[in-house]
Amino acid sequence: MGSAVAIVTDSSAYLPAELSERHGLITVPLQIAVGGTVRDETELTVEQTARALKEWRPVTTSRPAPERFAHAYKAAAGAGAAAIVSVHLSAAMSGTVEAARLAAEAAPVPVRVVDTGTIGMGLGFAALSAAATARQGGDAAAAAAAALRRAELSRSLFYVDTLEHLRRGGRIGGAAGLLGSALMVKPLLNIVDGRIAPLEKVRTASRALARMEELVVETAGDRPVDIGVQHLAAAGRAEALAARLRERIPGLQDVYVGEVGPVIGAHVGPGMLGVVVAPQLP
């Protein structure tokens, strides 16, 4: 595994598979129920989830059972890990951190659980920083600190076509105040203190996306940053935005474009477009 410290994360990081494999990440899948049938989100295609959401069929999500984490920790220890850093999505959005902590109590090696306070590639970049620190010889404390620092430095911005999916999933947070005017605006959202919060109200989708691009460029500045562009059923928008960001951000190091999976998709709905700006650690 290349390091005495193993890094575990969850599937809501939505890292490209080859990237996870290259960095030796262990991923525990979150779960999703479509029409009452519960599966690991990795067993569902994005198309199936998007279709269910468009048809307004019941789609709900749930954390992995602690036993899933216990199995992952046991496997990592069996493969030679002397310690584990478990890096997960915001505890304010999910019980995943709680499940990981319960499993950590009986793990065969010490486990540090990190609540990143974010989700998607914000979580993904944090897990990658933890893995890089461990690969360079850092201990579990250093790897956990790197994950938390990367998450704290990162900023997540996103656009949704409708707030209805967030409302139905109970994840609307501070954006609830926009519901009354939701038909008249296209809101830009972000993540603050681990929760979804309103950022700005814009009148049209095109203006909202243009404004989000400007905010991303401003946030990035000229420092070295990685960018994650994520979407649901909006591949054309995502690729076009990524191409413009490559031209406009002088310090851009790596940019990843990908579709979110069912767990995020169930809450944001088709048409979502989001960007994570993750400054690189010194």
Protein backbone atom coordinates (compact mmCIF):
# COMPACT_ATOMS: atom_id res chain seq x y z
CA MET A 1 0.00 0.00 0.00
CA GLY A 2 3.09 2.19 0.00
CA SER A 3 2.56 3.80 3.40
CA ALA A 4 2.26 2.80 7.07
CA VAL A 5 -0.82 5.05 7.22
CA ALA A 6 -3.88 3.99 5.22
CA ILE A 7 -6.40 6.59 4.02
CA VAL A 8 -10.10 5.70 4.01
CA THR A 9 -12.78 7.96 2.55
CA ASP A 10 -16.37 7.58 1.36
CA SER A 11 -17.96 7.52 -2.06
CA SER A 12 -19.30 11.08 -1.82
CA ALA A 13 -15.77 12.29 -2.67
CA TYR A 14 -16.45 11.24 -6.30
CA LEU A 15 -12.79 10.98 -7.16
CA PRO A 16 -11.91 9.47 -10.54
CA ALA A 17 -11.29 5.74 -10.00
CA GLU A 18 -7.78 5.82 -11.41
CA LEU A 19 -6.88 8.71 -9.10
CA SER A 20 -8.12 6.83 -6.03
CA GLU A 21 -6.23 3.71 -7.07
CA ARG A 22 -3.02 5.61 -7.76
CA HIS A 23 -3.10 7.15 -4.28
CA GLY A 24 -4.14 3.92 -2.55
CA LEU A 25 -7.40 5.28 -1.15
CA ILE A 26 -9.93 2.89 0.37
CA THR A 27 -13.50 4.00 -0.39
CA VAL A 28 -16.56 2.99 1.64
CA PRO A 29 -19.78 3.44 -0.37
CA LEU A 30 -22.73 5.43 0.92
CA GLN A 31 -26.20 4.01 0.33
CA ILE A 32 -29.23 5.16 -1.61
CA ALA A 33 -32.85 4.00 -1.87
CA VAL A 34 -34.82 4.42 -5.08
CA GLY A 35 -38.46 3.48 -4.76
CA GLY A 36 -37.74 1.75 -1.46
CA THR A 37 -34.91 -0.49 -2.72
CA VAL A 38 -31.63 0.18 -0.88
CA ARG A 39 -28.29 -0.25 -2.65
CA ASP A 40 -24.73 0.99 -2.44
CA GLU A 41 -24.55 4.12 -4.54
CA THR A 42 -21.79 2.49 -6.58
CA GLU A 43 -24.36 -0.05 -7.80
CA LEU A 44 -26.56 2.61 -9.41
CA THR A 45 -25.80 4.56 -12.55
CA VAL A 46 -26.13 8.31 -12.64
CA GLU A 47 -28.63 7.90 -15.47
CA GLN A 48 -30.90 5.77 -13.26
CA THR A 49 -30.77 8.34 -10.48
CA ALA A 50 -31.35 11.29 -12.81
CA ARG A 51 -34.31 9.51 -14.40
CA ALA A 52 -35.87 8.81 -10.99
CA LEU A 53 -35.41 12.43 -9.94
CA LYS A 54 -36.89 13.78 -13.16
CA GLU A 55 -39.90 11.52 -12.59
CA TRP A 56 -40.07 12.72 -8.94
CA ARG A 57 -39.83 9.14 -7.64
CA PRO A 58 -38.76 8.78 -3.96
CA VAL A 59 -34.95 8.87 -3.71
CA THR A 60 -33.33 8.89 -0.26
CA THR A 61 -29.79 8.44 1.02
CA SER A 62 -28.22 6.93 4.14
CA ARG A 63 -24.85 6.54 5.80
CA PRO A 64 -22.93 3.25 5.68
CA ALA A 65 -23.36 1.00 8.69
CA PRO A 66 -20.44 1.07 11.15
CA GLU A 67 -19.75 -2.53 10.13
CA ARG A 68 -18.75 -1.28 6.67
CA PHE A 69 -16.05 0.88 8.20
CA ALA A 70 -15.01 -1.89 10.58
CA HIS A 71 -14.45 -4.16 7.59
CA ALA A 72 -12.44 -1.47 5.76
CA TYR A 73 -10.27 -0.80 8.82
CA LYS A 74 -9.64 -4.52 9.36
CA ALA A 75 -8.67 -4.96 5.71
CA ALA A 76 -6.28 -1.99 5.84
CA ALA A 77 -4.62 -3.33 8.99
CA GLY A 78 -4.36 -6.77 7.42
CA ALA A 79 -2.60 -5.20 4.43
CA GLY A 80 0.06 -3.73 6.70
CA ALA A 81 -1.26 -0.35 7.85
CA ALA A 82 -0.07 0.66 11.31
CA ALA A 83 -2.62 3.49 11.50
CA ILE A 84 -5.61 4.78 9.54
CA VAL A 85 -6.93 8.24 8.72
CA SER A 86 -10.62 8.15 7.79
CA VAL A 87 -11.66 11.28 5.86
CA HIS A 88 -15.37 11.96 5.35
CA LEU A 89 -18.14 14.32 4.32
CA SER A 90 -19.57 16.92 6.65
CA ALA A 91 -21.11 15.58 9.85
CA ALA A 92 -23.73 18.32 9.50
CA MET A 93 -24.96 16.66 6.29
CA SER A 94 -24.62 12.97 7.13
CA GLY A 95 -24.11 10.46 9.91
CA THR A 96 -21.12 8.99 8.08
CA VAL A 97 -18.56 10.52 10.46
CA GLU A 98 -20.48 9.10 13.42
CA ALA A 99 -20.49 5.62 11.86
CA ALA A 100 -16.75 5.85 11.20
CA ARG A 101 -16.06 6.89 14.79
CA LEU A 102 -18.11 4.00 16.15
CA ALA A 103 -16.12 1.56 14.04
CA ALA A 104 -12.84 3.20 15.01
CA GLU A 105 -13.37 2.32 18.66
CA ALA A 106 -12.85 -1.39 17.94
CA ALA A 107 -10.41 -1.13 15.03
CA PRO A 108 -7.25 -3.28 15.20
CA VAL A 109 -5.02 -0.20 14.68
CA PRO A 110 -5.45 3.47 15.71
CA VAL A 111 -7.93 5.38 13.53
CA ARG A 112 -8.23 9.17 13.24
CA VAL A 113 -11.60 10.27 11.82
CA VAL A 114 -11.65 13.63 10.00
CA ASP A 115 -14.86 15.62 9.52
CA THR A 116 -13.97 17.75 6.49
CA GLY A 117 -17.09 19.91 6.73
CA THR A 118 -17.61 19.54 3.00
CA ILE A 119 -18.56 17.04 0.29
CA GLY A 120 -17.76 16.11 -3.31
CA MET A 121 -14.33 17.06 -4.59
CA GLY A 122 -13.83 19.27 -1.53
CA LEU A 123 -13.71 15.98 0.36
CA GLY A 124 -11.78 14.34 -2.47
CA PHE A 125 -8.95 16.87 -2.44
CA ALA A 126 -8.72 16.56 1.36
CA ALA A 127 -8.34 12.79 1.09
CA LEU A 128 -5.68 13.18 -1.61
CA SER A 129 -3.71 15.56 0.63
CA ALA A 130 -3.87 13.05 3.46
CA ALA A 131 -2.60 10.33 1.12
CA ALA A 132 0.24 12.53 -0.17
CA THR A 133 1.35 13.34 3.37
CA ALA A 134 1.30 9.66 4.36
CA ARG A 135 3.20 8.68 1.21
CA GLN A 136 5.89 11.22 2.07
CA GLY A 137 6.39 9.60 5.48
CA GLY A 138 4.00 11.65 7.58
CA ASP A 139 2.32 9.94 10.51
CA ALA A 140 -1.44 9.71 11.07
CA ALA A 141 -1.57 13.04 12.91
CA ALA A 142 0.16 14.81 10.03
CA ALA A 143 -2.05 13.15 7.41
CA ALA A 144 -5.22 14.06 9.31
CA ALA A 145 -4.01 17.65 9.72
CA ALA A 146 -3.29 17.89 5.99
CA ALA A 147 -6.80 16.68 5.14
CA LEU A 148 -8.42 19.15 7.50
CA ARG A 149 -6.27 22.04 6.32
CA ARG A 150 -6.99 21.33 2.65
CA ALA A 151 -10.71 21.19 3.39
CA GLU A 152 -10.57 24.47 5.31
CA LEU A 153 -8.77 26.22 2.46
CA SER A 154 -11.12 24.92 -0.23
CA ARG A 155 -14.28 26.62 -1.41
CA SER A 156 -17.28 24.90 -2.95
CA LEU A 157 -19.73 26.80 -5.16
CA PHE A 158 -22.67 25.32 -7.00
CA TYR A 159 -25.73 26.07 -9.05
CA VAL A 160 -28.97 24.08 -9.08
CA ASP A 161 -31.86 24.31 -11.51
CA THR A 162 -34.34 23.97 -8.65
CA LEU A 163 -34.20 23.97 -4.84
CA GLU A 164 -36.91 21.34 -4.65
CA HIS A 165 -34.54 18.36 -4.43
CA LEU A 166 -32.60 19.96 -1.58
CA ARG A 167 -35.87 20.71 0.20
CA ARG A 168 -37.18 17.17 -0.20
CA GLY A 169 -33.90 15.68 1.02
CA GLY A 170 -33.77 17.90 4.10
CA ARG A 171 -30.40 19.38 3.07
CA ILE A 172 -31.54 22.87 2.13
CA GLY A 173 -30.11 24.49 5.27
CA GLY A 174 -29.85 28.27 5.12
CA ALA A 175 -31.05 28.28 1.53
CA ALA A 176 -34.60 27.65 2.78
CA GLY A 177 -35.15 31.39 2.76
CA LEU A 178 -34.92 31.36 -1.02
CA LEU A 179 -37.83 28.97 -1.52
CA GLY A 180 -40.46 31.67 -1.72
CA SER A 181 -38.69 33.31 -4.64
CA ALA A 182 -37.33 30.13 -6.19
CA LEU A 183 -39.41 30.52 -9.35
CA MET A 184 -38.00 33.99 -9.95
CA VAL A 185 -34.32 33.37 -9.25
CA LYS A 186 -31.52 30.95 -9.98
CA PRO A 187 -29.61 30.70 -6.71
CA LEU A 188 -25.90 30.23 -6.28
CA LEU A 189 -25.08 28.16 -3.20
CA ASN A 190 -21.98 27.32 -1.21
CA ILE A 191 -20.98 25.34 1.86
CA VAL A 192 -20.54 27.23 5.12
CA ASP A 193 -19.82 25.57 8.47
CA GLY A 194 -20.53 22.20 6.93
CA ARG A 195 -23.98 23.12 5.60
CA ILE A 196 -25.46 24.33 2.34
CA ALA A 197 -26.00 28.08 2.42
CA PRO A 198 -27.21 30.71 -0.08
CA LEU A 199 -24.57 32.83 -1.74
CA GLU A 200 -26.29 35.03 -4.33
CA LYS A 201 -29.59 35.27 -6.18
CA VAL A 202 -29.38 35.66 -9.95
CA ARG A 203 -32.24 36.09 -12.39
CA THR A 204 -31.32 33.59 -15.11
CA ALA A 205 -29.37 30.35 -15.43
CA SER A 206 -26.86 31.88 -17.85
CA ARG A 207 -26.16 34.79 -15.51
CA ALA A 208 -25.86 32.46 -12.53
CA LEU A 209 -23.29 30.31 -14.32
CA ALA A 210 -21.36 33.36 -15.50
CA ARG A 211 -21.35 34.76 -11.97
CA MET A 212 -20.14 31.44 -10.55
CA GLU A 213 -17.27 31.44 -13.03
CA GLU A 214 -16.26 34.94 -11.92
CA LEU A 215 -16.34 33.91 -8.27
CA VAL A 216 -14.18 30.87 -9.01
CA VAL A 217 -11.59 33.00 -10.80
CA GLU A 218 -11.58 35.53 -7.94
CA THR A 219 -11.24 32.78 -5.32
CA ALA A 220 -8.37 31.10 -7.16
CA GLY A 221 -6.36 34.28 -7.69
CA ASP A 222 -2.83 33.57 -8.88
CA ARG A 223 -1.89 30.95 -6.26
CA PRO A 224 -1.43 27.26 -7.13
CA VAL A 225 -4.86 25.60 -7.04
CA ASP A 226 -6.60 22.43 -8.10
CA ILE A 227 -10.12 22.64 -9.47
CA GLY A 228 -12.93 20.11 -9.44
CA VAL A 229 -15.87 20.72 -11.80
CA GLN A 230 -18.79 18.44 -11.00
CA HIS A 231 -22.23 18.14 -12.50
CA LEU A 232 -25.35 16.00 -12.81
CA ALA A 233 -26.68 15.48 -16.32
CA ALA A 234 -24.89 18.66 -17.49
CA ALA A 235 -21.69 17.36 -19.09
CA GLY A 236 -21.60 20.01 -21.81
CA ARG A 237 -21.83 22.86 -19.32
CA ALA A 238 -19.16 21.27 -17.13
CA GLU A 239 -16.63 20.71 -19.92
CA ALA A 240 -17.17 24.22 -21.30
CA LEU A 241 -16.68 25.76 -17.86
CA ALA A 242 -13.53 23.72 -17.23
CA ALA A 243 -12.08 24.86 -20.55
CA ARG A 244 -12.66 28.51 -19.68
CA LEU A 245 -11.17 28.09 -16.22
CA ARG A 246 -8.03 26.55 -17.72
CA GLU A 247 -7.57 29.74 -19.71
CA ARG A 248 -8.44 32.18 -16.93
CA ILE A 249 -6.70 30.81 -13.82
CA PRO A 250 -2.92 31.34 -14.03
CA GLY A 251 -2.04 29.09 -11.10
CA LEU A 252 -4.25 26.17 -12.12
CA GLN A 253 -2.44 22.88 -11.53
CA ASP A 254 -4.95 20.06 -12.04
CA VAL A 255 -8.58 20.19 -13.10
CA TYR A 256 -10.95 17.26 -12.78
CA VAL A 257 -14.33 17.12 -14.49
CA GLY A 258 -16.83 14.50 -13.44
CA GLU A 259 -20.42 13.63 -12.76
CA VAL A 260 -21.56 13.29 -9.16
CA GLY A 261 -23.04 10.03 -8.05
CA PRO A 262 -26.50 9.19 -6.74
CA VAL A 263 -25.99 10.39 -3.15
CA ILE A 264 -25.26 14.01 -4.10
CA GLY A 265 -27.48 13.73 -7.17
CA ALA A 266 -30.50 12.85 -5.07
CA HIS A 267 -30.20 16.17 -3.25
CA VAL A 268 -29.24 18.57 -6.04
CA GLY A 269 -31.13 17.22 -9.03
CA PRO A 270 -30.31 17.17 -12.77
CA GLY A 271 -28.66 20.32 -14.10
CA MET A 272 -26.47 20.91 -11.05
CA LEU A 273 -23.08 22.41 -11.78
CA GLY A 274 -20.50 22.90 -9.05
CA VAL A 275 -16.88 23.96 -8.70
CA VAL A 276 -14.42 23.25 -5.90
CA VAL A 277 -11.39 25.55 -5.66
CA ALA A 278 -8.70 23.80 -3.61
CA PRO A 279 -5.48 25.76 -2.99
CA GLN A 280 -2.49 23.45 -2.78
CA LEU A 281 -0.79 23.04 0.57
CA PRO A 282 2.70 24.54 0.97
